[in-house]
Structures are given as structure tokens and as C-alpha cells.
Amino acid sequence: MLWWQRVFALPTITLLVFFVLARPQEFVPMLQRLPFLHLLTALSVLGYIIDVRLRRLQPVATNTLPWVIAFFLWAILCTAIVAGDQLIPLILFLIPTLAVYGIVAHGVQRFRAFQIVAGLLALTVVFIAAICAHQGFSPKQCVSGVEQDGAIDGVPDGRECDTNETCRGANAEPGAEYRCEHVGLVGTYSADGRVRYRGQLNDPNEVALVICSGGLAILLALSMRRRGQPLRQFGYWLLITLCVVTIFLTKSRGGLVAMMLVPGVYAIRKWGWAVIFPAVMLAVPVLILGGRSDANAEASTQQRYEAWATGLDMWHHSPVFGVGARQFSAHHYLTAHNSFVLVLAELGIVGLFLFTAVIYLAIKTLVVGLKAIEHEPGARAARIWGMALLAAMCGIVFQINTLSFSYHTMLWLFIGLCGAWYSTVRHHKPDLEIKLTYIDLVVIAGAAITYSTVVLPLFLKAKGEY
């Protein structure tokens, strides 16, 4: 029996992941005739219901589901209370994100299906990396439009250039803003020389995060699964090289650290914490050579600290409900550039607690689950994929400290993959049960309170922003 005959929801799950990340509906005119995101979401839910009725899937909730639902319901409640006119747009925005988490977490309950979804995710990310790499090595052209957050939002006019001043020459449109950027395929162009994609990935830092988690971590796992097959190994490492090159082209300092964190997690598990010092020594030249250190980078860092201080002020004015989900930009000219600050400002201390609880439980699931199957016979695939997810989550958690990723589909996709991994392991080891204990809840609550009342204010005070 073919794989798509085993699980009805699987084809639509993989298509949903591709459409959410690659956004082909934005550059293929034929696909713009239908609302593919909502259509695939509905078909995925329908496929899951059919699979449950046919007993191909079990209607069992994964361990993160109650906390995820609590977080999204709290976001809706806060918005309804403090920004009621934005409630309907918020719900429409959250539906695809929540659907991606729910369908992946509950529609994948076998390792064969898990590997298919992970493989399609890696292919999607490789596609994005290839577009960005081509963009980075393409000639620069003049792009005219409107400047937003230090980048240009417009259309390339076909004129080749070397600097921004070249674009403002004789052939420039009067009153138009111009930037000299690398122009790539499917309507993409760089931001201040840093490669990026489109849609939710129009920021170079977000591109770097997605490539680290959905590219490097998954490709490393696939290469481990195919040991003894030299041709496939060569192909995987060629794609890994493409991902690394693209991350350098984003010039994302956080992305470079996340890139080193992914293999670093494997190294720590194999050789212990003794590898930290040599890893740090290796990271320094990588950051110097690949990151940004110009005036723009310094200005970006200063603006980020300013946004964090503004977010802290928002929380002080509304400590319980915040200013409402996705309302940070209504109170500040920039987004928060920190997922935890964003949640604190928009959803208050309760929202920060719930958000932290979801991430904490996802990582705890991987750590405890890997320990439980460490010596289980026949669990090699589970260990490989568990390590891949743990490496990816470590990179994600680090980088979302400088990105507004709280509602980003990629974050919730990986939380869904952690839930799917838990379900697949429990299929073979039903006695495994991982949940938040009372001690965990105390730790999470203490961390949320300490972060918002001590750590963040002291850090901002040290930086002269508070």
C-alpha cells in the first residue's frame, strides 16, 4: 500500500507546509485564483477526521495541545478586551498557524509519516535557500518603492547599479525612494545587501532561522538515516553546504550562532559540556567574518533595545492583558524584535507564562523522551529524529530572543513536530508520559516573573535604555 493510501491527511499536510513557507501562491498567477492556505487547512482537517474514522490515526491529544490552546485563547481574549476592532483579523491570521500545529502534531503518528513530512520540510527550505543564494550572487539593480524598517518595499526597475546614489541619477523617478539591491528569482531582492525571501520570510534573520532549523537540522538527520549510501550522503552534504552559504549571505549574527548551535547540540550529547570552550573559540571568527559590524548593525541593535524598553513600558501599563495580540506596532514604530518581550507586551504576564510553558514542554518532551529510549532496541530512527528536533529547537529558542516570532508559523510547526515525535514514540512505548509537573509550573512562573521584573529591566538599564 502506498504511503498516501495509509494516511489520508498526509498529502495535504505536506502541501500545507510548502504553501505556508514557500508561498508559491504569491508568484504563480494561476495559484492566486483560490485561497490555497485556507483550502489546504480545511482539507487537512477533513483528512484527519477521515483517518480517525478509518482508524488509521488515533484521536489522542499530544501533550502540548492544552497549553497551545490556552495560549491562543488567551491571545484572543486579550485582544477582545483591549483591541476589540482587531479581533476578527487576528482570528483569521491565527487559524492557519494553529492548523499547522494541530494537523502536524496529531496527523503524524508513525515514523514513516514523520520522515515524509520532515523530508518535505527540508526540500521546501532548500528551495528557499536556493532562491536566496541565487539572489545573493546576482548583480545589483535599482529598486524603487517605499522604505520600511530600513529596507525598501518596491519593484526592481532593471537598471544595474553599484550604490544607492547610482539609482538616483538621471533616469530616476522624481520623489521615489531607491535602493541598490541584489535581485533574485520569483520577485525577491535583498535588504541592505542581505538576502531574504518573501511572505513571512522577508526578513534576513528569519530566513537564517528557518534554514538552520528546517534545513541544517533535518538534513543532518537524513544523512544519519542514510549512512552507508555514499551517493545520498554526497547529496545531503551538498545541500547542507548550500544552507550554510545562504546563512552567511543573510549576514545574520543570530543566524550564525544558531547555525553553530545545531551541530553543537550533537557535539554536547556525544562528548559532553567539555566541547563548549573550543566551540566558543570557533564561533568568534565565524561571527567576525560572517556577521555585520557596520554602522547599520549598531543602529539596528540600538533600535532593538529601544523596542524592548517600549515593550516593558506597555506591560507596566497593562500587566495582565497587555495591548492585544499583534498590536505592538500600533504603539511603536518597530516590532519588538524579541518574542518574549512581544508576548509580555501584547498578552501580559499570563501570556508570557503560557508561551514559555509551551516551549518548555516541547523541549522537555525531547530531552526526557530521548533519555527514555536511549537503550531501546530498534529505536535508532526515533533517536535520530529526536536529536534533530532538539538541535532545531535550541537554535530557534536562541534566535527568537532577537526576532518577533511569537505567532510565526515556523515556530508552531516545530512545536507540532515535537508533538508528532512524542506521538510516534508513544505508539511503540505506550507507558511513556511526559507532562508539566507542579515543579515545572513553579519554575516557569518564576522564570517569567524574574525575566520581566529583574532580568529585562537590568539589561536595558545597563544598555542605557531604561
Protein backbone atom coordinates (compact mmCIF):
# COMPACT_ATOMS: atom_id res chain seq x y z
CA MET A 1 0.00 0.00 0.00
CA LEU A 2 1.35 3.42 -0.97
CA TRP A 3 2.05 5.99 1.75
CA TRP A 4 -0.73 8.35 0.65
CA GLN A 5 -3.19 5.46 0.92
CA ARG A 6 -2.15 4.82 4.50
CA VAL A 7 -2.88 8.28 5.89
CA PHE A 8 -5.44 10.48 4.13
CA ALA A 9 -4.24 13.73 5.72
CA LEU A 10 -0.56 13.32 4.83
CA PRO A 11 -0.58 14.79 1.27
CA THR A 12 -2.44 17.91 2.39
CA ILE A 13 -0.18 18.28 5.44
CA THR A 14 2.93 18.33 3.26
CA LEU A 15 1.31 20.72 0.78
CA LEU A 16 0.20 23.00 3.63
CA VAL A 17 3.78 23.17 4.95
CA PHE A 18 5.06 24.02 1.45
CA PHE A 19 2.44 26.71 0.80
CA VAL A 20 2.89 28.32 4.23
CA LEU A 21 6.68 28.65 3.89
CA ALA A 22 7.44 28.87 0.16
CA ARG A 23 4.34 30.97 -0.66
CA PRO A 24 4.06 29.87 -4.35
CA GLN A 25 0.62 31.49 -4.47
CA GLU A 26 2.35 34.87 -4.30
CA PHE A 27 4.39 34.49 -7.51
CA VAL A 28 2.43 31.95 -9.58
CA PRO A 29 -0.60 33.79 -11.04
CA MET A 30 -2.58 30.58 -11.57
CA LEU A 31 -2.46 29.81 -7.83
CA GLN A 32 -3.85 33.22 -6.90
CA ARG A 33 -7.35 32.27 -8.01
CA LEU A 34 -8.02 30.15 -4.94
CA PRO A 35 -7.33 30.74 -1.20
CA PHE A 36 -4.94 27.80 -1.03
CA LEU A 37 -3.88 28.28 2.60
CA HIS A 38 -7.43 28.08 3.92
CA LEU A 39 -8.36 25.37 1.39
CA LEU A 40 -5.43 23.15 2.39
CA THR A 41 -6.15 23.81 6.06
CA ALA A 42 -9.73 22.61 5.60
CA LEU A 43 -8.64 19.57 3.56
CA SER A 44 -6.03 18.64 6.18
CA VAL A 45 -8.64 18.74 8.94
CA LEU A 46 -11.03 16.72 6.78
CA GLY A 47 -8.31 14.19 6.01
CA TYR A 48 -7.53 13.83 9.71
CA ILE A 49 -11.21 13.21 10.50
CA ILE A 50 -11.42 10.56 7.77
CA ASP A 51 -8.23 8.87 9.02
CA VAL A 52 -9.65 8.77 12.54
CA ARG A 53 -12.93 7.29 11.28
CA LEU A 54 -10.98 4.66 9.31
CA ARG A 55 -8.83 4.01 12.40
CA ARG A 56 -5.63 4.90 10.57
CA LEU A 57 -4.99 7.55 13.22
CA GLN A 58 -5.83 7.61 16.90
CA PRO A 59 -7.82 10.61 18.24
CA VAL A 60 -5.31 11.16 21.03
CA ALA A 61 -4.19 14.65 22.03
CA THR A 62 -0.48 15.30 22.23
CA ASN A 63 0.91 16.68 25.49
CA THR A 64 1.37 20.27 24.30
CA LEU A 65 -2.20 20.67 22.98
CA PRO A 66 -3.86 22.02 26.19
CA TRP A 67 -1.12 24.61 26.63
CA VAL A 68 -1.18 25.66 22.97
CA ILE A 69 -4.96 26.09 23.09
CA ALA A 70 -4.65 28.07 26.32
CA PHE A 71 -2.07 30.39 24.76
CA PHE A 72 -4.11 31.10 21.62
CA LEU A 73 -7.35 31.54 23.57
CA TRP A 74 -5.60 33.97 25.90
CA ALA A 75 -4.32 35.91 22.85
CA ILE A 76 -7.89 36.13 21.54
CA LEU A 77 -9.27 37.15 24.96
CA CYS A 78 -6.66 39.88 25.46
CA THR A 79 -7.32 41.28 22.01
CA ALA A 80 -11.09 41.19 22.53
CA ILE A 81 -10.69 43.17 25.78
CA VAL A 82 -8.17 45.83 24.75
CA ALA A 83 -8.43 45.97 20.92
CA GLY A 84 -11.84 44.59 20.01
CA ASP A 85 -11.84 46.02 16.48
CA GLN A 86 -8.83 43.81 15.67
CA LEU A 87 -10.38 40.57 16.91
CA ILE A 88 -11.67 39.19 13.58
CA PRO A 89 -8.43 39.93 11.65
CA LEU A 90 -6.48 38.29 14.48
CA ILE A 91 -8.59 35.12 14.38
CA LEU A 92 -8.23 34.87 10.60
CA PHE A 93 -4.47 35.34 10.98
CA LEU A 94 -4.14 32.68 13.70
CA ILE A 95 -6.23 29.95 12.01
CA PRO A 96 -3.54 28.74 9.54
CA THR A 97 -0.84 28.86 12.25
CA LEU A 98 -2.91 26.90 14.76
CA ALA A 99 -3.97 24.50 11.99
CA VAL A 100 -0.34 23.79 11.03
CA TYR A 101 0.48 22.95 14.64
CA GLY A 102 -2.65 20.84 15.19
CA ILE A 103 -2.53 18.87 11.95
CA VAL A 104 1.20 18.12 12.17
CA ALA A 105 1.07 17.25 15.88
CA HIS A 106 -1.92 14.92 15.55
CA GLY A 107 -1.91 13.82 11.91
CA VAL A 108 1.58 12.28 12.11
CA GLN A 109 1.67 9.26 14.41
CA ARG A 110 4.16 6.92 12.68
CA PHE A 111 7.84 7.44 11.90
CA ARG A 112 7.31 6.75 8.20
CA ALA A 113 4.85 9.65 8.02
CA PHE A 114 7.12 11.75 10.23
CA GLN A 115 10.05 11.23 7.88
CA ILE A 116 7.92 12.20 4.86
CA VAL A 117 6.80 15.46 6.47
CA ALA A 118 10.35 16.23 7.66
CA GLY A 119 11.76 15.44 4.21
CA LEU A 120 9.23 17.73 2.50
CA LEU A 121 10.03 20.45 5.04
CA ALA A 122 13.74 20.11 4.23
CA LEU A 123 13.03 20.26 0.48
CA THR A 124 10.94 23.39 0.97
CA VAL A 125 13.70 25.05 2.98
CA VAL A 126 16.31 24.01 0.40
CA PHE A 127 14.14 25.63 -2.29
CA ILE A 128 14.05 28.85 -0.25
CA ALA A 129 17.82 28.65 0.37
CA ALA A 130 18.48 28.16 -3.36
CA ILE A 131 16.37 31.21 -4.26
CA CYS A 132 18.21 33.29 -1.65
CA ALA A 133 21.66 32.02 -2.68
CA HIS A 134 20.94 32.86 -6.33
CA GLN A 135 19.79 36.28 -5.18
CA GLY A 136 22.99 36.85 -3.20
CA PHE A 137 25.24 36.15 -6.21
CA SER A 138 23.08 38.08 -8.70
CA PRO A 139 24.00 41.57 -9.98
CA LYS A 140 22.59 44.54 -8.14
CA GLN A 141 19.70 46.52 -9.60
CA CYS A 142 17.87 49.68 -8.64
CA VAL A 143 14.71 49.02 -6.61
CA SER A 144 12.19 51.84 -6.31
CA GLY A 145 9.49 51.94 -3.67
CA VAL A 146 8.84 52.90 -0.06
CA GLU A 147 11.37 52.48 2.75
CA GLN A 148 10.12 50.40 5.69
CA ASP A 149 12.19 49.37 8.73
CA GLY A 150 15.46 50.14 6.98
CA ALA A 151 14.58 48.20 3.79
CA ILE A 152 12.86 49.07 0.54
CA ASP A 153 9.45 47.72 -0.43
CA GLY A 154 9.12 48.16 -4.15
CA VAL A 155 9.93 46.85 -7.63
CA PRO A 156 13.30 46.48 -9.44
CA ASP A 157 13.44 48.79 -12.46
CA GLY A 158 16.10 46.82 -14.36
CA ARG A 159 18.95 49.34 -14.06
CA GLU A 160 22.20 47.84 -12.79
CA CYS A 161 23.96 49.76 -10.04
CA ASP A 162 26.81 49.80 -7.55
CA THR A 163 25.48 52.18 -4.90
CA ASN A 164 22.21 53.80 -3.86
CA GLU A 165 23.42 57.10 -5.32
CA THR A 166 23.69 55.50 -8.78
CA CYS A 167 19.94 54.79 -8.70
CA ARG A 168 19.13 58.43 -8.03
CA GLY A 169 20.68 59.53 -11.33
CA ALA A 170 19.12 60.90 -14.50
CA ASN A 171 16.65 58.04 -15.05
CA ALA A 172 15.21 58.11 -11.55
CA GLU A 173 11.54 58.85 -10.95
CA PRO A 174 11.06 62.21 -9.18
CA GLY A 175 10.26 61.76 -5.48
CA ALA A 176 10.80 57.98 -5.49
CA GLU A 177 12.99 56.21 -2.94
CA TYR A 178 15.72 53.95 -4.36
CA ARG A 179 17.96 51.20 -3.06
CA CYS A 180 20.67 49.27 -4.89
CA GLU A 181 19.96 45.61 -4.08
CA HIS A 182 20.64 42.08 -5.31
CA VAL A 183 17.64 40.96 -7.38
CA GLY A 184 16.77 37.26 -7.49
CA LEU A 185 14.08 34.91 -8.76
CA VAL A 186 10.32 34.97 -8.02
CA GLY A 187 10.35 38.70 -7.35
CA THR A 188 12.83 38.62 -4.47
CA TYR A 189 15.52 41.18 -3.70
CA SER A 190 17.90 41.78 -0.83
CA ALA A 191 17.59 44.19 2.10
CA ASP A 192 20.70 46.33 2.56
CA GLY A 193 22.65 43.66 0.67
CA ARG A 194 21.36 40.84 2.90
CA VAL A 195 19.46 38.04 1.15
CA ARG A 196 15.86 37.35 2.09
CA TYR A 197 12.77 35.59 0.75
CA ARG A 198 9.15 36.81 0.70
CA GLY A 199 5.96 36.47 2.72
CA GLN A 200 6.69 35.65 6.36
CA LEU A 201 10.37 35.27 5.44
CA ASN A 202 11.04 38.75 4.06
CA ASP A 203 13.50 39.39 6.90
CA PRO A 204 17.08 38.05 6.54
CA ASN A 205 17.22 36.99 10.19
CA GLU A 206 14.04 34.93 9.84
CA VAL A 207 15.38 33.29 6.69
CA ALA A 208 18.53 32.31 8.61
CA LEU A 209 16.47 30.82 11.45
CA VAL A 210 14.28 28.78 9.08
CA ILE A 211 17.30 27.46 7.19
CA CYS A 212 19.03 26.47 10.45
CA SER A 213 16.03 24.64 11.89
CA GLY A 214 14.24 23.31 8.82
CA GLY A 215 17.34 22.85 6.68
CA LEU A 216 20.52 22.04 8.61
CA ALA A 217 18.93 20.05 11.44
CA ILE A 218 16.67 17.96 9.18
CA LEU A 219 19.36 17.35 6.54
CA LEU A 220 21.81 16.19 9.23
CA ALA A 221 19.18 13.72 10.43
CA LEU A 222 18.52 12.47 6.90
CA SER A 223 22.25 11.96 6.33
CA MET A 224 22.45 9.90 9.52
CA ARG A 225 19.48 7.82 8.41
CA ARG A 226 21.24 7.03 5.11
CA ARG A 227 24.68 6.01 6.34
CA GLY A 228 26.36 3.56 4.02
CA GLN A 229 24.89 5.20 0.89
CA PRO A 230 27.72 7.41 -0.45
CA LEU A 231 25.74 8.98 -3.30
CA ARG A 232 22.93 10.11 -0.99
CA GLN A 233 25.45 11.28 1.60
CA PHE A 234 27.12 13.44 -1.03
CA GLY A 235 23.76 14.91 -2.00
CA TYR A 236 22.82 15.70 1.60
CA TRP A 237 26.14 17.38 2.34
CA LEU A 238 25.88 19.37 -0.87
CA LEU A 239 22.51 20.70 0.33
CA ILE A 240 23.93 21.35 3.80
CA THR A 241 26.69 23.41 2.16
CA LEU A 242 24.03 25.39 0.27
CA CYS A 243 22.26 26.12 3.56
CA VAL A 244 25.49 27.26 5.25
CA VAL A 245 26.40 29.56 2.34
CA THR A 246 22.91 31.09 2.37
CA ILE A 247 23.08 31.73 6.12
CA PHE A 248 26.34 33.63 5.58
CA LEU A 249 24.65 35.63 2.81
CA THR A 250 21.90 36.72 5.24
CA LYS A 251 24.64 38.33 7.39
CA SER A 252 22.53 37.44 10.42
CA ARG A 253 24.56 37.34 13.62
CA GLY A 254 21.85 35.38 15.42
CA GLY A 255 21.55 33.06 12.42
CA LEU A 256 25.27 32.29 12.52
CA VAL A 257 25.07 31.42 16.22
CA ALA A 258 22.01 29.23 15.58
CA MET A 259 23.88 27.58 12.70
CA MET A 260 26.65 26.58 15.11
CA LEU A 261 24.19 25.59 17.83
CA VAL A 262 22.62 22.89 15.64
CA PRO A 263 25.77 20.72 15.32
CA GLY A 264 26.80 21.93 18.78
CA VAL A 265 23.86 20.09 20.37
CA TYR A 266 25.05 16.87 18.74
CA ALA A 267 28.60 17.51 19.95
CA ILE A 268 27.48 18.14 23.54
CA ARG A 269 25.41 14.95 23.57
CA LYS A 270 28.35 12.91 22.28
CA TRP A 271 31.31 14.46 24.10
CA GLY A 272 29.71 16.37 26.97
CA TRP A 273 29.95 20.01 28.04
CA ALA A 274 33.74 19.96 27.59
CA VAL A 275 33.23 20.96 23.96
CA ILE A 276 31.80 24.36 24.93
CA PHE A 277 35.16 26.15 25.15
CA PRO A 278 36.54 25.01 21.77
CA ALA A 279 33.10 25.69 20.23
CA VAL A 280 33.16 29.28 21.52
CA MET A 281 36.69 29.75 20.16
CA LEU A 282 35.48 28.52 16.77
CA ALA A 283 32.39 30.74 16.88
CA VAL A 284 34.32 34.01 17.34
CA PRO A 285 35.99 34.08 13.89
CA VAL A 286 32.78 32.86 12.24
CA LEU A 287 30.84 35.77 13.74
CA ILE A 288 33.57 38.25 12.81
CA LEU A 289 33.75 37.05 9.21
CA GLY A 290 30.06 36.41 8.61
CA GLY A 291 28.15 38.88 10.76
CA ARG A 292 27.60 42.60 10.45
CA SER A 293 29.69 45.16 12.31
CA ASP A 294 28.96 48.36 10.40
CA ALA A 295 27.02 51.43 11.44
CA ASN A 296 23.74 49.89 10.25
CA ALA A 297 24.27 46.90 12.53
CA GLU A 298 24.94 49.15 15.52
CA ALA A 299 21.86 51.24 14.76
CA SER A 300 19.76 48.09 14.42
CA THR A 301 20.95 46.85 17.81
CA GLN A 302 20.16 50.18 19.45
CA GLN A 303 16.68 50.25 17.90
CA ARG A 304 16.10 46.73 19.19
CA TYR A 305 16.92 47.77 22.75
CA GLU A 306 14.62 50.76 22.37
CA ALA A 307 11.81 48.44 21.26
CA TRP A 308 12.39 46.17 24.26
CA ALA A 309 12.17 49.15 26.62
CA THR A 310 8.95 50.25 24.93
CA GLY A 311 7.56 46.73 25.30
CA LEU A 312 8.37 46.76 29.00
CA ASP A 313 6.51 50.08 29.35
CA MET A 314 3.49 48.58 27.56
CA TRP A 315 3.47 45.74 30.09
CA HIS A 316 3.69 48.17 33.01
CA HIS A 317 0.61 49.99 31.71
CA SER A 318 -1.34 46.75 31.22
CA PRO A 319 0.31 43.91 33.20
CA VAL A 320 -2.50 41.33 32.81
CA PHE A 321 -3.93 41.70 29.30
CA GLY A 322 -1.17 43.67 27.54
CA VAL A 323 -2.01 45.73 24.47
CA GLY A 324 -3.51 42.86 22.46
CA ALA A 325 -2.03 40.29 20.07
CA ARG A 326 -0.24 41.80 17.06
CA GLN A 327 -0.77 45.33 18.45
CA PHE A 328 2.86 46.12 19.38
CA SER A 329 3.41 48.03 16.13
CA ALA A 330 0.37 50.17 16.86
CA HIS A 331 2.24 51.58 19.87
CA HIS A 332 5.78 51.67 18.48
CA TYR A 333 7.27 52.30 15.06
CA LEU A 334 9.13 48.96 15.11
CA THR A 335 8.16 45.46 16.13
CA ALA A 336 9.60 44.09 19.38
CA HIS A 337 12.48 42.08 17.86
CA ASN A 338 12.17 39.67 20.80
CA SER A 339 9.45 37.03 21.01
CA PHE A 340 9.34 37.02 24.82
CA VAL A 341 9.17 40.82 25.05
CA LEU A 342 6.50 40.77 22.33
CA VAL A 343 4.32 38.31 24.26
CA LEU A 344 4.85 40.17 27.54
CA ALA A 345 3.81 43.49 25.98
CA GLU A 346 0.88 42.11 23.99
CA LEU A 347 -0.50 39.39 26.30
CA GLY A 348 0.78 40.35 29.74
CA ILE A 349 2.44 38.12 32.31
CA VAL A 350 -0.11 35.32 31.82
CA GLY A 351 0.66 35.24 28.11
CA LEU A 352 4.39 35.07 28.81
CA PHE A 353 3.80 32.19 31.24
CA LEU A 354 1.74 30.23 28.68
CA PHE A 355 4.17 30.91 25.82
CA THR A 356 7.14 29.82 27.92
CA ALA A 357 5.23 26.73 29.10
CA VAL A 358 4.63 25.58 25.52
CA ILE A 359 8.30 25.93 24.56
CA TYR A 360 9.46 24.41 27.85
CA LEU A 361 7.22 21.37 27.42
CA ALA A 362 8.27 20.86 23.79
CA ILE A 363 11.95 20.76 24.78
CA LYS A 364 11.26 18.68 27.88
CA THR A 365 9.43 16.16 25.69
CA LEU A 366 12.54 15.73 23.53
CA VAL A 367 15.03 15.57 26.41
CA VAL A 368 13.03 13.16 28.56
CA GLY A 369 11.90 11.13 25.55
CA LEU A 370 15.43 10.70 24.23
CA LYS A 371 16.61 9.56 27.64
CA ALA A 372 13.75 7.04 27.87
CA ILE A 373 14.60 5.40 24.51
CA GLU A 374 18.37 5.74 24.76
CA HIS A 375 18.91 1.99 25.07
CA GLU A 376 15.69 0.76 23.46
CA PRO A 377 16.33 -1.77 20.68
CA GLY A 378 15.04 -0.69 17.28
CA ALA A 379 14.69 2.96 18.34
CA ARG A 380 17.51 4.35 16.18
CA ALA A 381 15.13 6.33 13.94
CA ALA A 382 13.40 7.83 16.97
CA ARG A 383 16.72 8.88 18.48
CA ILE A 384 17.93 10.47 15.22
CA TRP A 385 14.76 12.49 14.71
CA GLY A 386 14.56 13.41 18.39
CA MET A 387 18.09 14.82 18.27
CA ALA A 388 17.30 16.71 15.06
CA LEU A 389 14.28 18.36 16.69
CA LEU A 390 16.24 19.14 19.87
CA ALA A 391 19.03 20.78 17.84
CA ALA A 392 16.48 22.75 15.83
CA MET A 393 14.57 23.89 18.93
CA CYS A 394 17.78 25.05 20.62
CA GLY A 395 18.58 27.19 17.59
CA ILE A 396 15.02 28.52 17.46
CA VAL A 397 14.84 29.39 21.16
CA PHE A 398 18.15 31.24 20.96
CA GLN A 399 17.26 33.28 17.88
CA ILE A 400 13.70 34.22 18.85
CA ASN A 401 15.29 36.39 21.53
CA THR A 402 16.04 38.84 18.70
CA LEU A 403 13.02 38.11 16.46
CA SER A 404 9.28 38.69 16.71
CA PHE A 405 8.49 35.01 16.18
CA SER A 406 5.70 34.51 18.71
CA TYR A 407 2.99 33.75 16.14
CA HIS A 408 5.26 32.68 13.29
CA THR A 409 4.18 29.52 11.50
CA MET A 410 7.70 28.03 11.60
CA LEU A 411 7.81 28.11 15.40
CA TRP A 412 4.44 26.40 15.75
CA LEU A 413 5.30 23.93 13.01
CA PHE A 414 8.27 22.75 15.05
CA ILE A 415 6.23 22.61 18.23
CA GLY A 416 3.82 20.47 16.21
CA LEU A 417 6.71 18.25 15.06
CA CYS A 418 7.75 17.80 18.70
CA GLY A 419 4.19 16.67 19.44
CA ALA A 420 4.26 14.33 16.44
CA TRP A 421 7.56 12.83 17.61
CA TYR A 422 6.03 12.25 21.05
CA SER A 423 3.02 10.51 19.47
CA THR A 424 5.22 8.27 17.32
CA VAL A 425 7.38 7.27 20.28
CA ARG A 426 4.30 6.54 22.41
CA HIS A 427 2.96 4.28 19.66
CA HIS A 428 5.91 1.97 20.36
CA LYS A 429 6.27 2.84 24.05
CA PRO A 430 2.73 3.47 25.40
CA ASP A 431 3.89 3.79 29.02
CA LEU A 432 5.87 6.96 28.22
CA GLU A 433 4.09 10.01 29.59
CA ILE A 434 5.65 13.47 29.61
CA LYS A 435 3.81 16.47 31.03
CA LEU A 436 4.38 19.58 33.11
CA THR A 437 4.66 18.84 36.81
CA TYR A 438 3.93 21.26 39.64
CA ILE A 439 7.67 21.86 39.96
CA ASP A 440 7.83 22.70 36.24
CA LEU A 441 4.98 25.19 36.63
CA VAL A 442 6.72 26.87 39.56
CA VAL A 443 9.96 27.08 37.56
CA ILE A 444 8.16 28.54 34.52
CA ALA A 445 6.23 31.07 36.61
CA GLY A 446 9.40 32.07 38.44
CA ALA A 447 11.28 32.44 35.18
CA ALA A 448 8.53 34.61 33.64
CA ILE A 449 8.34 36.89 36.68
CA THR A 450 12.13 37.14 37.06
CA TYR A 451 12.59 37.89 33.37
CA SER A 452 10.01 40.68 33.32
CA THR A 453 10.84 42.29 36.68
CA VAL A 454 14.59 41.72 37.06
CA VAL A 455 16.49 40.39 34.04
CA LEU A 456 14.99 42.56 31.29
CA PRO A 457 14.96 45.87 33.30
CA LEU A 458 18.55 45.37 34.49
CA PHE A 459 19.75 44.52 30.99
CA LEU A 460 18.05 47.58 29.50
CA LYS A 461 19.39 49.76 32.29
CA ALA A 462 22.91 48.52 31.53
CA LYS A 463 22.37 49.46 27.88
CA GLY A 464 21.10 52.92 28.83
CA GLU A 465 17.54 52.34 27.58
CA TYR A 466 15.66 52.11 30.88
